[in-house]
Protein backbone atom coordinates (compact mmCIF):
# COMPACT_ATOMS: atom_id res chain seq x y z
CA MET A 1 22.01 102.39 46.87
CA ARG A 2 18.81 103.73 48.41
CA ARG A 3 15.58 102.68 46.74
CA LYS A 4 13.21 105.52 45.85
CA TYR A 5 9.49 105.13 46.30
CA ALA A 6 7.03 106.98 44.13
CA SER A 7 4.42 109.12 45.81
CA PRO A 8 0.94 107.55 45.61
CA ALA A 9 -0.43 111.09 45.17
CA SER A 10 1.39 111.59 41.86
CA PRO A 11 -1.06 110.89 39.00
CA LEU A 12 1.69 111.35 36.41
CA LEU A 13 3.72 108.35 37.54
CA TYR A 14 2.21 104.97 36.65
CA PHE A 15 2.58 101.82 34.55
CA LYS A 16 -0.59 100.62 32.88
CA ASP A 17 -1.29 98.62 29.70
CA ASP A 18 2.44 98.57 28.88
CA ILE A 19 2.61 102.37 29.03
CA LEU A 20 5.12 103.89 31.46
CA SER A 21 4.52 107.45 32.62
CA VAL A 22 7.30 109.24 34.53
CA PRO A 23 7.31 113.01 35.10
CA GLY A 24 9.93 114.64 32.90
CA TYR A 25 10.04 111.80 30.36
CA THR A 26 8.00 110.34 27.55
CA PHE A 27 8.13 106.63 26.65
CA GLU A 28 7.17 104.31 23.85
CA ARG A 29 5.09 101.23 24.66
CA ALA A 30 7.03 98.69 26.72
CA VAL A 31 8.04 95.41 25.07
CA GLN A 32 9.36 92.12 26.37
CA TRP A 33 13.12 91.94 26.92
CA ASP A 34 14.01 88.73 25.07
CA ASP A 35 16.36 86.65 27.17
CA THR A 36 16.32 83.22 28.74
CA GLY A 37 13.90 83.28 31.66
CA SER A 38 13.53 87.05 31.53
CA ALA A 39 10.47 88.64 33.11
CA THR A 40 11.57 92.16 32.27
CA LEU A 41 9.93 94.73 30.00
CA VAL A 42 11.86 97.57 28.39
CA ALA A 43 10.66 100.94 27.14
CA GLU A 44 12.64 103.48 25.14
CA GLY A 45 12.05 107.10 26.03
CA VAL A 46 13.20 110.71 25.83
CA SER A 47 13.95 113.29 28.49
CA LEU A 48 11.67 116.31 28.12
CA LYS A 49 14.37 118.47 29.69
CA ASP A 50 17.20 117.99 27.20
CA GLY A 51 15.92 115.53 24.59
CA SER A 52 18.39 112.82 25.58
CA ARG A 53 17.34 109.21 25.06
CA VAL A 54 16.67 106.93 28.01
CA LEU A 55 15.85 103.26 28.52
CA ALA A 56 13.57 101.93 31.26
CA LYS A 57 13.63 98.35 32.51
CA ILE A 58 10.41 97.33 34.23
CA ALA A 59 9.56 94.29 36.37
CA ALA A 60 6.63 93.32 38.60
CA ALA A 61 7.22 94.21 42.25
CA HIS A 62 8.20 91.40 44.65
CA SER A 63 9.29 89.13 41.79
CA ASN A 64 12.54 87.55 40.65
CA GLY A 65 12.66 90.20 37.94
CA SER A 66 12.46 93.03 40.49
CA MET A 67 15.28 91.48 42.51
CA CYS A 68 17.41 91.27 39.37
CA LEU A 69 16.78 94.94 38.57
CA GLU A 70 17.55 95.98 42.13
CA ARG A 71 20.82 94.05 41.98
CA GLU A 72 21.63 95.64 38.62
CA ALA A 73 20.93 99.09 40.05
CA HIS A 74 23.21 98.34 43.00
CA ILE A 75 26.02 97.21 40.69
CA LEU A 76 25.66 100.22 38.38
CA GLY A 77 25.52 102.62 41.32
CA ARG A 78 28.68 101.14 42.77
CA MET A 79 30.49 101.10 39.43
CA ALA A 80 29.57 104.75 38.88
CA THR A 81 31.76 105.71 41.85
CA SER A 82 34.82 104.58 39.87
CA SER A 83 36.09 107.06 37.30
CA GLU A 84 37.53 104.17 35.27
CA SER A 85 34.09 102.60 34.91
CA ILE A 86 32.20 105.61 33.54
CA ASN A 87 32.62 104.61 29.89
CA ALA A 88 32.41 100.86 30.51
CA THR A 89 28.97 100.44 32.11
CA LEU A 90 25.39 101.53 31.58
CA ARG A 91 24.67 104.86 33.26
CA LEU A 92 22.10 104.78 36.02
CA ILE A 93 19.61 107.63 36.28
CA GLU A 94 17.22 106.32 38.92
CA PHE A 95 15.71 103.20 40.45
CA PHE A 96 12.26 103.45 41.98
CA THR A 97 9.11 101.57 42.91
CA ILE A 98 5.67 102.40 41.53
CA PRO A 99 2.95 101.67 44.16
CA ARG A 100 0.39 98.89 43.69
CA SER A 101 -2.42 101.28 42.84
CA GLN A 102 -0.40 102.75 39.97
CA GLY A 103 1.26 99.68 38.50
CA ASP A 104 2.94 97.68 41.29
CA CYS A 105 6.35 97.45 39.65
CA VAL A 106 9.96 98.56 39.89
CA VAL A 107 11.67 100.70 37.25
CA LEU A 108 15.36 100.96 36.45
CA LEU A 109 15.91 104.14 34.44
CA LEU A 110 19.11 104.31 32.40
CA VAL A 111 20.83 106.58 29.90
CA HIS A 112 20.07 104.87 26.59
CA PRO A 113 23.13 102.83 25.55
CA GLY A 114 22.45 103.32 21.84
CA ILE A 115 22.44 100.79 19.04
CA ASN A 116 24.44 97.63 19.69
CA SER A 117 26.69 97.40 16.65
CA LEU A 118 27.77 93.91 17.72
CA GLY A 119 24.30 92.77 16.67
CA ARG A 120 25.38 92.22 13.09
CA TYR A 121 27.91 89.62 14.25
CA TYR A 122 25.35 87.49 16.12
CA PRO A 123 22.46 85.38 14.77
CA PRO A 124 19.20 87.40 15.09
CA THR A 125 17.90 85.04 17.81
CA LYS A 126 20.86 85.98 20.02
CA VAL A 127 20.35 89.76 20.17
CA ASN A 128 17.37 91.78 21.37
CA ASP A 129 15.50 93.48 18.53
CA ILE A 130 15.13 96.74 20.43
CA LEU A 131 18.86 97.48 20.27
CA LEU A 132 19.54 96.23 16.73
CA GLY A 133 20.68 98.86 14.27
CA ASP A 134 19.62 96.98 11.12
CA LEU A 135 15.85 96.49 11.18
CA SER A 136 16.08 94.04 8.28
CA ARG A 137 17.66 91.59 10.72
CA VAL A 138 14.84 91.72 13.24
CA ARG A 139 13.91 88.13 13.99
CA THR A 140 10.55 86.52 13.53
CA LEU A 141 11.36 83.51 15.72
CA SER A 142 10.85 83.28 19.46
CA HIS A 143 13.34 81.60 21.78
CA GLY A 144 10.98 78.65 21.95
CA ASP A 145 10.98 78.40 18.15
CA MET A 146 14.76 78.46 18.17
CA TYR A 147 14.90 75.05 19.85
CA MET A 148 12.72 73.61 17.06
CA MET A 149 15.06 74.77 14.29
CA ASP A 150 16.85 72.04 12.34
CA ASP A 151 20.50 72.16 11.31
CA THR A 152 19.66 73.78 7.97
CA ASP A 153 17.72 76.61 9.65
CA MET A 154 20.53 77.19 12.13
CA ALA A 155 23.11 77.25 9.33
CA GLU A 156 21.07 79.79 7.36
CA GLU A 157 20.76 82.02 10.41
CA VAL A 158 24.50 81.92 11.04
CA GLU A 159 25.18 82.70 7.38
CA ALA A 160 23.10 85.89 7.76
CA CYS A 161 25.69 87.25 10.20
CA ASP A 162 28.62 89.41 9.18
CA MET A 163 32.10 88.05 9.72
CA MET A 164 34.10 90.02 12.27
CA ASP A 165 37.52 90.99 11.01
CA LEU A 166 40.55 90.16 13.16
CA ALA A 167 41.31 93.75 14.21
CA THR A 168 37.71 94.31 15.39
CA PHE A 169 37.70 90.99 17.23
CA LEU A 170 40.95 91.78 19.06
CA GLU A 171 39.73 95.26 20.02
CA PHE A 172 36.46 93.84 21.30
CA ALA A 173 38.27 91.11 23.25
CA ILE A 174 40.58 93.66 24.89
CA GLN A 175 37.72 95.99 25.84
CA ALA A 176 35.50 93.14 27.10
CA THR A 177 38.37 91.87 29.24
CA HIS A 178 38.87 95.40 30.57
CA CYS A 179 35.19 95.55 31.58
CA LEU A 180 35.52 92.26 33.46
CA GLU A 181 38.66 93.56 35.15
CA LEU A 182 36.74 96.63 36.36
CA LEU A 183 33.98 94.41 37.75
CA HIS A 184 36.49 92.27 39.62
CA ARG A 185 38.34 95.32 40.90
CA ASN A 186 35.09 96.62 42.36
CA GLY A 187 34.39 93.34 44.14
CA PHE A 188 31.92 91.74 41.72
CA THR A 189 31.92 88.29 40.18
CA HIS A 190 30.01 87.30 37.07
CA ARG A 191 28.40 84.34 35.37
CA GLU A 192 28.85 83.31 31.74
CA GLY A 193 29.27 86.04 29.15
CA ASP A 194 26.94 85.98 26.14
CA GLY A 195 25.56 88.22 23.42
CA GLN A 196 23.03 89.85 25.74
CA ILE A 197 25.62 91.33 28.12
CA THR A 198 28.24 92.48 25.60
CA ARG A 199 27.68 95.47 23.41
CA CYS A 200 29.54 98.03 21.37
CA THR A 201 28.51 101.53 20.36
CA LEU A 202 30.72 104.09 18.68
CA ARG A 203 32.60 104.67 21.94
CA VAL A 204 31.50 102.31 24.68
CA PHE A 205 31.58 98.57 25.23
């Protein structure tokens, strides 16, 4: 995958004060992507051309976060060449660098994956708020606070989750295994699987 560099002469492309500006799109204010050790910001947006929703991941240039996004872009670009993988992975729009004078960051622009309906089966501290469908479940605890919770707090949080019925669990297990099979078939290995990397919309895992 070839990295694209933004033109320093373009005043419409910048990242400043958590606001991402990209020609052809409009974005909400960027927020922290809650995950262990994450240095990534995310911003939801809309294409001005067709009104489709998009999601931007943003990380400071020359950082661990930027390397992670570049690796993610490489994986998504490679997976997109497989017809079997089209409905199993996030859809890459573009990966580019914003120059130092205009934000000094990298941006991974994706087709918005939609609400993660698996969120209702996980404790609120295990799923990012930005992709939760039920706003009443948005957490008020940080990941640091989570380690200070006692057994009673943890039990109450687990009780707030819906129970997944057997048919849904089996379907999810089959589709998640299929996704891993596609990764392996395309030459990729993976680390542990958790609630942040698995998702389910109406059609796509």
